[in-house]
Protein backbone atom coordinates (compact mmCIF):
# COMPACT_ATOMS: atom_id res chain seq x y z
CA UNK A 1 63.76 -15.38 5.43
CA UNK A 2 64.31 -14.46 1.97
CA UNK A 3 63.50 -15.79 -0.96
CA UNK A 4 66.25 -14.49 -2.39
CA UNK A 5 69.33 -16.57 -0.15
CA UNK A 6 66.95 -19.25 0.78
CA UNK A 7 65.39 -20.04 -2.91
CA UNK A 8 68.23 -18.42 -5.02
CA UNK A 9 68.21 -21.55 -6.94
CA UNK A 10 64.66 -22.13 -7.10
CA UNK A 11 63.24 -19.47 -10.30
CA UNK A 12 60.88 -22.29 -12.06
CA UNK A 13 59.36 -23.20 -8.77
CA UNK A 14 58.86 -19.44 -8.06
CA UNK A 15 57.02 -18.95 -11.44
CA UNK A 16 54.77 -22.16 -11.06
CA UNK A 17 54.04 -20.76 -7.45
CA UNK A 18 52.84 -17.32 -7.86
CA UNK A 19 50.90 -18.63 -11.14
CA UNK A 20 49.09 -21.16 -8.28
CA UNK A 21 48.45 -17.73 -5.97
CA UNK A 22 47.05 -15.65 -9.06
CA UNK A 23 44.95 -19.01 -9.86
CA UNK A 24 43.46 -19.28 -6.26
CA UNK A 25 42.35 -15.02 -6.04
CA UNK A 26 40.84 -16.10 -9.29
CA UNK A 27 38.78 -18.99 -8.26
CA UNK A 28 37.48 -17.26 -4.70
CA UNK A 29 36.55 -14.20 -7.02
CA UNK A 30 34.39 -17.33 -8.63
CA UNK A 31 32.93 -18.05 -5.19
CA UNK A 32 32.32 -15.07 -4.49
CA UNK A 33 30.39 -14.21 -7.62
CA UNK A 34 28.71 -17.62 -7.09
CA UNK A 35 27.45 -16.47 -4.15
CA UNK A 36 26.51 -13.21 -5.23
CA UNK A 37 24.23 -14.72 -7.89
CA UNK A 38 22.77 -16.98 -5.35
CA UNK A 39 21.99 -14.12 -3.31
CA UNK A 40 20.25 -12.47 -5.98
CA UNK A 41 18.45 -15.38 -7.02
CA UNK A 42 17.29 -16.00 -3.31
CA UNK A 43 16.41 -12.33 -3.25
CA UNK A 44 13.88 -12.76 -6.25
CA UNK A 45 12.24 -15.91 -4.95
CA UNK A 46 11.46 -14.27 -1.54
CA UNK A 47 10.36 -11.12 -3.49
CA UNK A 48 8.25 -13.60 -5.31
CA UNK A 49 7.00 -15.46 -2.45
CA UNK A 50 5.84 -12.64 -1.15
CA UNK A 51 4.13 -11.01 -3.99
CA UNK A 52 2.37 -14.60 -4.77
CA UNK A 53 0.34 -14.45 -1.06
CA UNK A 54 0.07 -10.80 -1.73
CA UNK A 55 -3.91 -9.78 -1.02
CA UNK A 56 -5.07 -8.84 -4.50
CA UNK A 57 -6.64 -5.24 -4.73
CA UNK A 58 -10.52 -4.59 -4.48
CA UNK A 59 -11.43 -8.36 -3.62
CA UNK A 60 -12.61 -9.85 -1.61
CA UNK A 61 -8.83 -11.28 0.07
CA UNK A 62 -8.08 -7.54 0.92
CA UNK A 63 -10.92 -8.03 3.48
CA UNK A 64 -10.13 -10.81 4.78
CA UNK A 65 -6.95 -8.99 6.16
CA UNK A 66 -9.12 -7.51 9.07
CA UNK A 67 -8.40 -9.98 11.14
CA UNK A 68 -5.11 -9.87 13.11
CA UNK A 69 -3.68 -13.46 12.21
CA UNK A 70 -4.01 -12.09 8.65
CA UNK A 71 -2.48 -8.92 9.17
CA UNK A 72 0.18 -10.47 11.03
CA UNK A 73 0.92 -12.85 7.86
CA UNK A 74 0.37 -9.96 5.48
CA UNK A 75 3.16 -7.88 8.05
CA UNK A 76 5.62 -11.39 7.58
CA UNK A 77 5.19 -10.90 3.93
CA UNK A 78 5.97 -6.92 4.12
CA UNK A 79 9.05 -8.31 5.69
CA UNK A 80 9.96 -10.81 3.92
CA UNK A 81 9.84 -8.76 1.13
CA UNK A 82 12.39 -6.28 2.89
CA UNK A 83 14.33 -9.27 4.44
CA UNK A 84 14.80 -9.49 0.28
CA UNK A 85 16.03 -6.46 0.15
CA UNK A 86 19.38 -7.09 2.14
CA UNK A 87 20.18 -10.14 0.29
CA UNK A 88 19.76 -7.82 -2.59
CA UNK A 89 21.87 -5.10 -0.65
CA UNK A 90 24.32 -7.93 -0.36
CA UNK A 91 25.18 -8.76 -3.38
CA UNK A 92 25.93 -5.33 -4.38
CA UNK A 93 28.20 -5.19 -2.11
CA UNK A 94 30.02 -8.02 -2.26
CA UNK A 95 30.12 -7.13 -5.99
CA UNK A 96 31.36 -3.47 -5.43
CA UNK A 97 33.63 -3.85 -2.54
CA UNK A 98 35.16 -7.57 -3.19
CA UNK A 99 34.69 -8.47 -6.88
CA UNK A 100 35.72 -5.06 -8.72
CA UNK A 101 37.78 -4.36 -6.46
CA UNK A 102 40.25 -8.33 -7.01
CA UNK A 103 39.55 -8.16 -10.48
CA UNK A 104 41.55 -5.29 -11.11
CA UNK A 105 44.40 -6.04 -8.43
CA UNK A 106 44.56 -9.41 -10.29
CA UNK A 107 44.93 -7.30 -13.49
CA UNK A 108 47.61 -5.63 -11.67
CA UNK A 109 49.18 -8.51 -10.26
CA UNK A 110 49.81 -10.63 -13.30
CA UNK A 111 51.48 -7.02 -14.85
CA UNK A 112 54.10 -7.40 -11.55
CA UNK A 113 54.65 -10.43 -11.52
CA UNK A 114 55.16 -10.58 -15.51
CA UNK A 115 57.53 -7.87 -15.13
CA UNK A 116 59.87 -9.52 -12.37
CA UNK A 117 60.55 -12.83 -13.67
CA UNK A 118 61.15 -10.89 -16.90
CA UNK A 119 64.15 -9.20 -15.09
CA UNK A 120 65.13 -12.70 -13.62
CA UNK A 121 65.08 -14.31 -16.98
CA UNK A 122 67.03 -10.82 -18.85
CA UNK A 123 69.12 -11.49 -15.59
CA UNK A 124 69.69 -15.11 -16.21
CA UNK A 125 69.84 -14.95 -20.10
CA UNK A 126 72.93 -12.49 -19.10
CA UNK A 127 74.65 -14.69 -16.60
CA UNK A 128 74.30 -17.50 -19.16
CA UNK A 129 76.10 -15.56 -21.76
CA UNK A 130 78.90 -15.04 -19.27
CA UNK A 131 79.75 -18.33 -18.71
CA UNK A 132 79.43 -19.42 -22.53
CA UNK A 133 82.03 -16.50 -22.71
CA UNK A 134 83.83 -17.95 -19.78
CA UNK A 135 83.84 -21.39 -21.63
CA UNK A 136 84.59 -20.42 -24.86
CA UNK A 137 87.69 -18.48 -23.81
CA UNK A 138 88.62 -21.58 -21.78
CA UNK A 139 88.51 -24.03 -24.77
CA UNK A 140 90.56 -21.49 -26.90
CA UNK A 141 93.41 -21.15 -24.16
CA UNK A 142 93.23 -25.11 -23.80
CA UNK A 143 93.52 -25.61 -27.52
CA UNK A 144 96.25 -22.97 -27.98
CA UNK A 145 98.32 -24.89 -25.04
CA UNK A 146 97.96 -27.90 -26.76
CA UNK A 147 98.96 -26.25 -30.45
CA UNK A 148 102.30 -25.11 -28.42
CA UNK A 149 103.04 -27.63 -26.95
CA UNK A 150 103.13 -30.36 -30.26
CA UNK A 151 105.12 -27.24 -31.68
CA UNK A 152 107.38 -27.21 -29.03
CA UNK A 153 107.73 -31.03 -29.58
CA UNK A 154 108.26 -30.68 -32.80
CA UNK A 155 111.03 -27.88 -32.66
CA UNK A 156 112.94 -29.88 -30.24
CA UNK A 157 112.69 -32.99 -32.69
CA UNK A 158 113.69 -30.94 -35.56
CA UNK A 159 116.50 -29.59 -33.61
CA UNK A 160 117.89 -33.31 -32.88
CA UNK A 161 117.37 -34.32 -36.20
CA UNK A 162 120.88 -34.28 -37.99
CA UNK A 163 119.78 -34.54 -41.25
CA UNK A 164 117.82 -31.00 -41.10
CA UNK A 165 119.35 -28.15 -42.04
CA UNK A 166 119.25 -25.15 -39.50
CA UNK A 167 116.38 -23.15 -41.57
CA UNK A 168 113.43 -26.04 -41.06
CA UNK A 169 115.10 -25.68 -37.43
CA UNK A 170 114.74 -22.09 -36.62
CA UNK A 171 111.33 -22.44 -38.51
CA UNK A 172 109.93 -24.64 -36.11
CA UNK A 173 111.38 -22.61 -33.46
CA UNK A 174 109.63 -19.56 -34.23
CA UNK A 175 106.50 -21.71 -35.17
CA UNK A 176 107.26 -22.79 -31.30
CA UNK A 177 107.13 -19.48 -30.31
CA UNK A 178 104.67 -18.28 -31.84
CA UNK A 179 102.08 -20.78 -30.34
CA UNK A 180 103.84 -20.34 -26.63
CA UNK A 181 103.31 -16.61 -27.48
CA UNK A 182 99.15 -17.57 -28.88
CA UNK A 183 98.94 -19.85 -25.51
CA UNK A 184 100.33 -16.72 -22.94
CA UNK A 185 97.41 -14.06 -24.94
CA UNK A 186 94.91 -16.92 -24.70
CA UNK A 187 95.77 -17.60 -20.87
CA UNK A 188 95.97 -13.93 -19.89
CA UNK A 189 92.18 -14.06 -21.98
CA UNK A 190 90.64 -16.72 -20.04
CA UNK A 191 92.23 -15.02 -16.99
CA UNK A 192 90.63 -11.67 -17.61
CA UNK A 193 87.63 -13.26 -18.77
CA UNK A 194 86.91 -15.48 -15.66
CA UNK A 195 87.66 -12.84 -13.15
CA UNK A 196 84.45 -10.87 -15.31
CA UNK A 197 82.53 -13.71 -14.98
CA UNK A 198 83.11 -14.55 -11.08
CA UNK A 199 82.23 -11.42 -10.80
CA UNK A 200 78.90 -11.24 -12.73
CA UNK A 201 78.07 -14.42 -11.49
CA UNK A 202 78.67 -13.41 -7.54
CA UNK A 203 76.41 -10.11 -8.59
CA UNK A 204 74.01 -12.81 -9.90
CA UNK A 205 73.60 -14.72 -6.89
CA UNK A 206 74.18 -12.59 -4.03
CA UNK A 207 72.34 -9.12 -5.93
CA UNK A 208 70.18 -9.54 -8.63
CA UNK A 209 68.40 -12.35 -7.67
CA UNK A 210 67.89 -11.85 -4.03
CA UNK A 211 66.36 -8.22 -5.28
CA UNK A 212 64.14 -9.92 -7.81
CA UNK A 213 63.35 -12.98 -5.63
CA UNK A 214 62.62 -10.55 -3.21
CA UNK A 215 60.09 -8.48 -5.38
CA UNK A 216 58.38 -11.68 -6.18
CA UNK A 217 57.93 -12.79 -2.41
CA UNK A 218 56.25 -9.52 -1.18
CA UNK A 219 54.45 -9.25 -4.37
CA UNK A 220 53.09 -12.89 -2.92
CA UNK A 221 52.62 -11.58 0.33
CA UNK A 222 49.96 -8.99 -0.84
CA UNK A 223 48.40 -11.16 -2.77
CA UNK A 224 47.91 -13.75 0.76
CA UNK A 225 47.03 -10.21 3.25
CA UNK A 226 44.48 -8.93 -0.47
CA UNK A 227 42.78 -11.96 0.28
CA UNK A 228 42.63 -12.23 3.39
CA UNK A 229 41.46 -8.83 3.77
CA UNK A 230 38.53 -9.69 1.25
CA UNK A 231 37.33 -12.77 3.12
CA UNK A 232 37.47 -10.42 6.52
CA UNK A 233 34.79 -8.28 4.23
CA UNK A 234 33.02 -11.20 2.88
CA UNK A 235 32.12 -11.58 6.66
CA UNK A 236 31.58 -8.02 7.08
CA UNK A 237 29.09 -7.43 4.12
CA UNK A 238 27.38 -10.38 5.90
CA UNK A 239 27.59 -8.82 9.11
CA UNK A 240 26.09 -5.54 8.11
CA UNK A 241 22.44 -6.56 7.18
CA UNK A 242 22.19 -8.62 10.17
CA UNK A 243 20.78 -5.84 12.27
CA UNK A 244 18.92 -4.87 9.69
CA UNK A 245 17.22 -8.73 9.09
CA UNK A 246 17.38 -9.01 12.65
CA UNK A 247 14.79 -6.16 12.62
CA UNK A 248 12.73 -7.66 10.20
CA UNK A 249 12.26 -10.47 12.18
CA UNK A 250 11.75 -9.12 15.27
CA UNK A 251 9.10 -7.22 13.11
CA UNK A 252 7.42 -10.34 12.20
CA UNK A 253 7.42 -11.57 15.99
CA UNK A 254 5.57 -8.00 16.83
CA UNK A 255 3.20 -8.81 14.20
CA UNK A 256 2.49 -12.65 15.61
CA UNK A 257 2.41 -11.06 19.12
CA UNK A 258 -0.39 -8.05 17.69
CA UNK A 259 -2.72 -11.57 17.05
CA UNK A 260 -6.16 -10.78 19.08
CA UNK A 261 -8.20 -13.81 18.99
CA UNK A 262 -11.00 -11.79 20.48
CA UNK A 263 -10.85 -8.76 18.56
CA UNK A 264 -10.95 -11.91 15.73
CA UNK A 265 -14.06 -13.17 17.09
CA UNK A 266 -15.49 -9.55 17.32
CA UNK A 267 -14.82 -8.74 13.59
CA UNK A 268 -16.41 -12.24 12.73
CA UNK A 269 -19.32 -11.36 14.70
CA UNK A 270 -19.88 -7.72 12.76
CA UNK A 271 -18.67 -9.33 9.44
CA UNK A 272 -21.74 -12.03 9.65
CA UNK A 273 -23.82 -10.97 12.13
CA UNK A 274 -27.68 -10.71 11.23
CA UNK A 275 -29.42 -8.62 12.94
CA UNK A 276 -32.53 -10.77 13.51
CA UNK A 277 -34.00 -11.91 16.82
CA UNK A 278 -33.57 -15.41 17.61
CA UNK A 279 -37.16 -17.40 17.36
CA UNK A 280 -39.29 -17.32 20.57
CA UNK A 281 -40.71 -20.60 22.09
CA UNK A 282 -44.05 -21.81 20.15
CA UNK A 283 -46.79 -22.32 22.07
CA UNK A 284 -48.78 -25.87 21.90
CA UNK A 285 -51.34 -25.82 19.43
CA UNK A 286 -54.77 -28.22 20.65
CA UNK A 287 -55.92 -29.83 17.38
CA UNK A 288 -58.47 -31.46 19.23
CA UNK A 289 -60.24 -28.27 19.50
CA UNK A 290 -61.78 -27.08 17.34
CA UNK A 291 -59.78 -25.19 13.83
CA UNK A 292 -59.53 -22.07 15.30
CA UNK A 293 -55.90 -22.26 16.00
CA UNK A 294 -54.37 -19.32 18.56
CA UNK A 295 -50.86 -18.28 17.31
CA UNK A 296 -48.29 -16.54 19.55
CA UNK A 297 -47.31 -13.55 18.07
CA UNK A 298 -43.72 -15.09 19.34
CA UNK A 299 -44.58 -17.85 16.86
CA UNK A 300 -42.79 -18.84 13.80
CA UNK A 301 -46.05 -20.43 12.44
CA UNK A 302 -48.05 -18.37 9.83
CA UNK A 303 -50.22 -16.18 10.88
CA UNK A 304 -52.80 -16.43 8.20
CA UNK A 305 -56.38 -17.24 9.68
CA UNK A 306 -56.66 -20.89 8.41
CA UNK A 307 -53.10 -21.47 8.57
CA UNK A 308 -51.99 -24.61 8.77
CA UNK A 309 -49.38 -25.76 11.51
CA UNK A 310 -45.94 -24.69 9.84
CA UNK A 311 -43.44 -25.94 12.47
CA UNK A 312 -42.01 -29.66 13.29
CA UNK A 313 -38.76 -30.74 14.24
CA UNK A 314 -37.50 -33.93 14.19
CA UNK A 315 -39.25 -36.56 11.96
CA UNK A 316 -39.52 -36.55 8.52
CA UNK A 317 -39.15 -32.80 7.35
CA UNK A 318 -38.88 -32.18 3.15
CA UNK A 319 -37.72 -28.82 3.44
CA UNK A 320 -40.22 -27.06 3.56
CA UNK A 321 -39.84 -24.88 6.93
CA UNK A 322 -37.37 -22.59 5.37
CA UNK A 323 -38.81 -21.65 1.50
CA UNK A 324 -36.09 -19.06 0.84
CA UNK A 325 -33.00 -19.99 2.82
CA UNK A 326 -31.33 -19.26 -0.57
CA UNK A 327 -29.12 -17.03 -1.42
CA UNK A 328 -30.06 -14.86 -4.34
CA UNK A 329 -27.88 -15.40 -7.20
CA UNK A 330 -28.97 -12.51 -9.48
CA UNK A 331 -27.93 -9.33 -9.75
CA UNK A 332 -26.97 -7.92 -6.04
CA UNK A 333 -30.14 -4.61 -5.46
CA UNK A 334 -28.88 -1.61 -5.07
CA UNK A 335 -30.25 -0.98 -1.95
CA UNK A 336 -29.11 -4.54 -0.56
CA UNK A 337 -31.91 -5.75 0.53
CA UNK A 338 -30.78 -9.58 -0.22
CA UNK A 339 -28.50 -9.16 2.99
CA UNK A 340 -29.65 -10.09 6.24
CA UNK A 341 -29.72 -6.42 8.40
CA UNK A 342 -26.64 -6.11 10.05
CA UNK A 343 -24.49 -6.65 6.57
CA UNK A 344 -27.07 -4.48 5.26
CA UNK A 345 -26.41 -1.54 7.33
CA UNK A 346 -22.48 -1.83 7.16
CA UNK A 347 -22.61 -1.36 2.97
CA UNK A 348 -25.37 1.52 2.95
CA UNK A 349 -23.10 2.76 5.72
CA UNK A 350 -19.92 2.24 3.57
CA UNK A 351 -21.18 3.63 0.19
CA UNK A 352 -22.71 6.80 2.12
CA UNK A 353 -19.43 7.30 3.28
CA UNK A 354 -17.64 6.38 -0.21
CA UNK A 355 -20.44 9.22 -1.76
CA UNK A 356 -19.22 11.81 0.52
CA UNK A 357 -15.78 11.24 -0.08
CA UNK A 358 -16.68 12.14 -3.70
CA UNK A 359 -18.94 14.79 -3.07
CA UNK A 360 -15.83 16.82 -1.12
CA UNK A 361 -12.91 15.62 -3.72
CA UNK A 362 -16.04 17.61 -6.02
CA UNK A 363 -15.99 20.53 -3.63
CA UNK A 364 -12.86 21.14 -3.59
CA UNK A 365 -12.80 20.94 -7.06
CA UNK A 366 -15.58 23.75 -7.59
CA UNK A 367 -13.07 25.63 -4.73
CA UNK A 368 -10.49 24.81 -7.33
CA UNK A 369 -11.97 26.31 -10.23
CA UNK A 370 -13.88 29.59 -8.44
CA UNK A 371 -10.27 30.63 -7.22
CA UNK A 372 -8.61 30.40 -10.97
CA UNK A 373 -12.05 32.17 -12.05
CA UNK A 374 -11.01 34.48 -9.25
CA UNK A 375 -7.84 35.08 -10.66
CA UNK A 376 -8.62 35.72 -14.48
CA UNK A 377 -11.49 38.02 -12.93
CA UNK A 378 -8.70 40.09 -10.97
CA UNK A 379 -6.11 39.39 -14.23
CA UNK A 380 -7.42 39.02 -17.35
CA UNK A 381 -4.52 38.80 -19.35
CA UNK A 382 -4.13 35.11 -17.49
CA UNK A 383 -6.57 33.47 -18.84
CA UNK A 384 -11.15 33.70 -19.94
CA UNK A 385 -13.20 33.60 -16.23
CA UNK A 386 -16.41 32.55 -18.44
CA UNK A 387 -13.81 30.06 -19.89
CA UNK A 388 -14.50 28.62 -15.91
CA UNK A 389 -18.21 28.62 -15.91
CA UNK A 390 -18.79 25.39 -18.26
CA UNK A 391 -17.01 22.94 -15.81
CA UNK A 392 -18.07 25.00 -12.48
CA UNK A 393 -21.49 24.11 -13.86
CA UNK A 394 -20.69 20.37 -14.63
CA UNK A 395 -18.53 20.51 -11.36
CA UNK A 396 -22.10 21.15 -9.51
CA UNK A 397 -24.16 19.53 -11.45
CA UNK A 398 -21.71 16.10 -10.58
CA UNK A 399 -22.42 17.57 -6.72
CA UNK A 400 -25.92 17.21 -6.65
CA UNK A 401 -26.44 14.22 -8.50
CA UNK A 402 -24.16 12.77 -5.61
CA UNK A 403 -25.86 14.77 -3.24
CA UNK A 404 -29.35 12.97 -4.03
CA UNK A 405 -27.88 9.40 -4.26
CA UNK A 406 -26.16 10.44 -0.87
CA UNK A 407 -29.91 10.98 0.59
CA UNK A 408 -31.28 7.55 -1.29
CA UNK A 409 -28.74 5.59 0.74
CA UNK A 410 -29.38 7.45 3.84
CA UNK A 411 -32.59 6.77 3.89
CA UNK A 412 -31.98 2.89 3.19
CA UNK A 413 -29.33 3.87 6.04
CA UNK A 414 -32.06 5.20 8.26
CA UNK A 415 -34.65 2.52 7.42
CA UNK A 416 -32.19 -0.10 8.57
CA UNK A 417 -30.88 1.65 11.79
CA UNK A 418 -34.70 2.64 12.41
CA UNK A 419 -35.63 -1.76 12.75
CA UNK A 420 -32.32 -2.80 14.27
CA UNK A 421 -32.80 -4.16 17.85
CA UNK A 422 -30.38 -3.13 20.63
CA UNK A 423 -29.31 0.04 18.86
CA UNK A 424 -28.89 2.85 20.74
CA UNK A 425 -31.42 6.42 19.37
CA UNK A 426 -28.17 8.21 18.66
CA UNK A 427 -27.00 5.64 16.30
CA UNK A 428 -30.69 5.69 14.31
CA UNK A 429 -30.72 7.56 11.41
CA UNK A 430 -34.48 8.62 11.18
CA UNK A 431 -34.96 12.13 9.43
CA UNK A 432 -38.03 13.94 7.44
CA UNK A 433 -36.21 13.16 4.54
CA UNK A 434 -36.96 9.78 5.39
CA UNK A 435 -39.95 9.96 5.93
CA UNK A 436 -41.10 12.12 3.59
CA UNK A 437 -39.13 10.28 0.86
CA UNK A 438 -38.69 6.34 1.94
CA UNK A 439 -41.92 5.65 3.19
CA UNK A 440 -43.55 4.96 -0.25
CA UNK A 441 -40.68 2.27 -0.64
CA UNK A 442 -40.84 0.26 2.37
CA UNK A 443 -43.15 -2.24 0.80
CA UNK A 444 -41.40 -2.28 -2.33
CA UNK A 445 -37.58 -3.14 -0.91
CA UNK A 446 -37.20 -6.36 -0.79
CA UNK A 447 -36.26 -8.22 2.59
CA UNK A 448 -34.81 -10.37 4.53
CA UNK A 449 -35.73 -13.48 5.96
CA UNK A 450 -33.80 -15.95 8.43
CA UNK A 451 -33.85 -19.65 9.58
CA UNK A 452 -33.08 -20.94 12.86
CA UNK A 453 -30.00 -22.64 12.13
CA UNK A 454 -28.46 -18.52 11.47
CA UNK A 455 -28.63 -18.27 7.73
CA UNK A 456 -30.57 -15.82 5.67
CA UNK A 457 -32.62 -15.62 2.88
CA UNK A 458 -34.08 -12.56 0.33
CA UNK A 459 -36.17 -11.36 2.09
CA UNK A 460 -36.90 -9.98 5.69
CA UNK A 461 -40.18 -8.14 7.85
CA UNK A 462 -39.54 -5.12 8.59
CA UNK A 463 -40.96 -6.53 12.51
CA UNK A 464 -37.61 -9.11 11.97
CA UNK A 465 -40.31 -11.35 11.99
CA UNK A 466 -40.14 -14.94 9.35
CA UNK A 467 -43.07 -16.79 8.13
CA UNK A 468 -42.96 -20.49 7.36
CA UNK A 469 -44.81 -21.15 4.86
CA UNK A 470 -45.60 -25.13 4.83
CA UNK A 471 -44.13 -28.34 6.77
CA UNK A 472 -44.08 -32.32 7.37
CA UNK A 473 -48.13 -31.17 8.38
CA UNK A 474 -48.77 -30.56 5.07
CA UNK A 475 -48.72 -34.31 4.64
CA UNK A 476 -51.53 -34.67 7.32
CA UNK A 477 -53.88 -32.33 5.55
CA UNK A 478 -53.50 -32.62 1.95
CA UNK A 479 -57.22 -33.26 1.79
CA UNK A 480 -57.81 -29.56 3.27
CA UNK A 481 -59.51 -26.89 1.18
CA UNK A 482 -56.97 -24.67 -0.64
CA UNK A 483 -57.24 -20.75 0.43
CA UNK A 484 -59.84 -19.17 -0.91
CA UNK A 485 -58.68 -16.23 -3.48
CA UNK A 486 -59.10 -13.07 -1.79
CA UNK A 487 -58.13 -10.50 -5.21
CA UNK A 488 -56.21 -10.99 -8.07
CA UNK A 489 -52.82 -9.18 -9.41
CA UNK A 490 -51.39 -8.56 -12.84
CA UNK A 491 -47.34 -9.05 -13.08
CA UNK A 492 -45.65 -5.74 -13.45
CA UNK A 493 -42.22 -7.71 -13.84
CA UNK A 494 -41.00 -11.03 -15.16
CA UNK A 495 -39.63 -13.14 -12.00
CA UNK A 496 -38.17 -16.43 -11.96
CA UNK A 497 -39.04 -18.41 -8.89
CA UNK A 498 -36.01 -20.22 -8.39
CA UNK A 499 -36.28 -20.99 -4.59
CA UNK A 500 -38.60 -23.05 -2.63
CA UNK A 501 -41.69 -21.96 -1.98
CA UNK A 502 -41.78 -19.44 -4.48
CA UNK A 503 -43.35 -19.15 -8.25
CA UNK A 504 -42.25 -17.61 -11.70
CA UNK A 505 -44.99 -15.18 -13.04
CA UNK A 506 -44.43 -12.99 -16.51
CA UNK A 507 -44.90 -9.94 -17.27
CA UNK A 508 -48.38 -8.73 -17.88
CA UNK A 509 -49.66 -11.99 -16.53
CA UNK A 510 -52.96 -12.11 -14.50
CA UNK A 511 -53.28 -14.18 -11.05
CA UNK A 512 -55.07 -14.88 -7.68
CA UNK A 513 -53.71 -13.42 -4.74
CA UNK A 514 -54.73 -16.15 -1.49
CA UNK A 515 -52.57 -14.29 0.95
CA UNK A 516 -51.41 -10.38 1.03
CA UNK A 517 -47.95 -8.97 1.98
CA UNK A 518 -47.35 -9.26 5.59
CA UNK A 519 -44.91 -6.14 5.66
CA UNK A 520 -42.50 -8.85 4.72
CA UNK A 521 -42.86 -7.97 1.22
CA UNK A 522 -44.34 -11.13 -0.29
CA UNK A 523 -47.38 -11.70 -1.95
CA UNK A 524 -48.52 -15.24 -1.81
CA UNK A 525 -50.46 -16.24 -5.44
CA UNK A 526 -52.04 -18.95 -6.97
CA UNK A 527 -51.92 -19.58 -10.51
CA UNK A 528 -54.14 -22.71 -10.22
CA UNK A 529 -55.24 -25.74 -8.07
CA UNK A 530 -51.28 -27.36 -8.37
CA UNK A 531 -49.61 -23.97 -8.48
CA UNK A 532 -48.79 -21.23 -5.65
CA UNK A 533 -46.08 -19.83 -3.97
CA UNK A 534 -44.92 -16.30 -3.27
CA UNK A 535 -43.60 -13.22 -5.06
CA UNK A 536 -42.55 -9.79 -4.39
CA UNK A 537 -44.73 -7.73 -3.69
CA UNK A 538 -43.14 -4.92 -6.03
CA UNK A 539 -43.13 -7.25 -8.38
CA UNK A 540 -47.03 -7.58 -8.77
CA UNK A 541 -50.23 -5.05 -8.87
CA UNK A 542 -52.45 -6.27 -6.61
CA UNK A 543 -56.43 -6.02 -6.91
CA UNK A 544 -58.50 -7.06 -3.66
CA UNK A 545 -61.75 -8.46 -3.49
CA UNK A 546 -63.97 -4.41 -3.77
CA UNK A 547 -61.53 -4.13 -6.69
CA UNK A 548 -60.83 -7.68 -8.72
CA UNK A 549 -64.06 -6.30 -10.88
CA UNK A 550 -61.28 -3.38 -12.57
CA UNK A 551 -58.95 -6.23 -13.45
């Protein structure tokens, strides 16, 4: 099958067909280009999606990713980022291996097509010129033959006329002979041109056109093969990333399988465990007996001598049971005393670890400076060793400062670990430094309180006991005599009593003490008959009855 033989007369249609083939190739290039844009857009959206849900650094959100379920989600985000990278790779490879190559090929194809059809048109114009030359000689031969016939007829007419002179007859005869010679010459010329045209036409239809059309056919078949190769490459480029995408999906599945509900539950315990012991049973208080009430060591009732019954479950509770249930919204104390013991221990341990890292960093820097100074001492031309003394002193000062800070937090940590129940002796951090330096500050550190529902308040006693200030029994004994003052106190600092059961004081104000600190860091005071409540012991200077006169 050859276009030169089968389509010898379809030059114009072949020209249209080959142009259509180039249009198809350009359309495919456009398709692949739009696909690469989609891949890039998809990859960008995946990356933005992954970034959007990534936990923010140094935020509470980052702490949540300790849980295995959150870690699985984070692994999914990371794998989706890699997944997006594979789509970017598809776009990049399709651009370099398909689009760029085909664009260059299309340009070459257009040039080749233009050359072939230029040769075809040139051959076509040549045969058309030969045809016109043949037609011209043919018309001239025909004209000369007709002229010769007319000249012969005129001679014969003159020769037959007896009235015509011999000179006229001779002239007519010579004219006829001349015309006959011209006709013969035209015949010879026409015959020669006809033979030449037949030769050229044979060459045109059996050599030139088949050769040109064969080249066009081969060009078109190469274009078709190239499209097929590009389509195959298109599929292969997609297939190449399937193993990596599979690994990304396997990573997501592995992350999902690593979710450990028990571990997450344990993390919840570690995150929110207060460290308090549950309250014991409340003993029955017989009000038929004299007003001397026995208070159980395990009771949550107030421990003061003339105290009222402080607990009443059910009935019409007025919310006075746990006066310090709200968290302090102010600045976090340096010793984290606003937290329950277990949480406070974790925060203090974290702080100690951070300080130890800072100390190690400063010590490494000091060692490096010392080595440099030693080099300077051995090689003075490299630098002045005394120029490093200031830096060494500064680093040494920083180390001493960090060590003091670490000792402070270790003392608070020892205090908490020494107080927490059910912890091994090995985990406790009791030290001479703690006993010597931290003992005076125990009463000044605000402690934590706990309510029966597991919530915690701003303060707690060293023995993890909880005081209950007032309950519905207050309504039953409104006429009971108020507690007598056992001394006075002077406010050292201003305290905003925002929680129920507390009272606000102003620096320098003098008030009455009606209940001293029971080891929980709070002192009960009274301003007048209608205003009384608790203030942090560290905020006041207390004078009991024997020192009241000094106030």
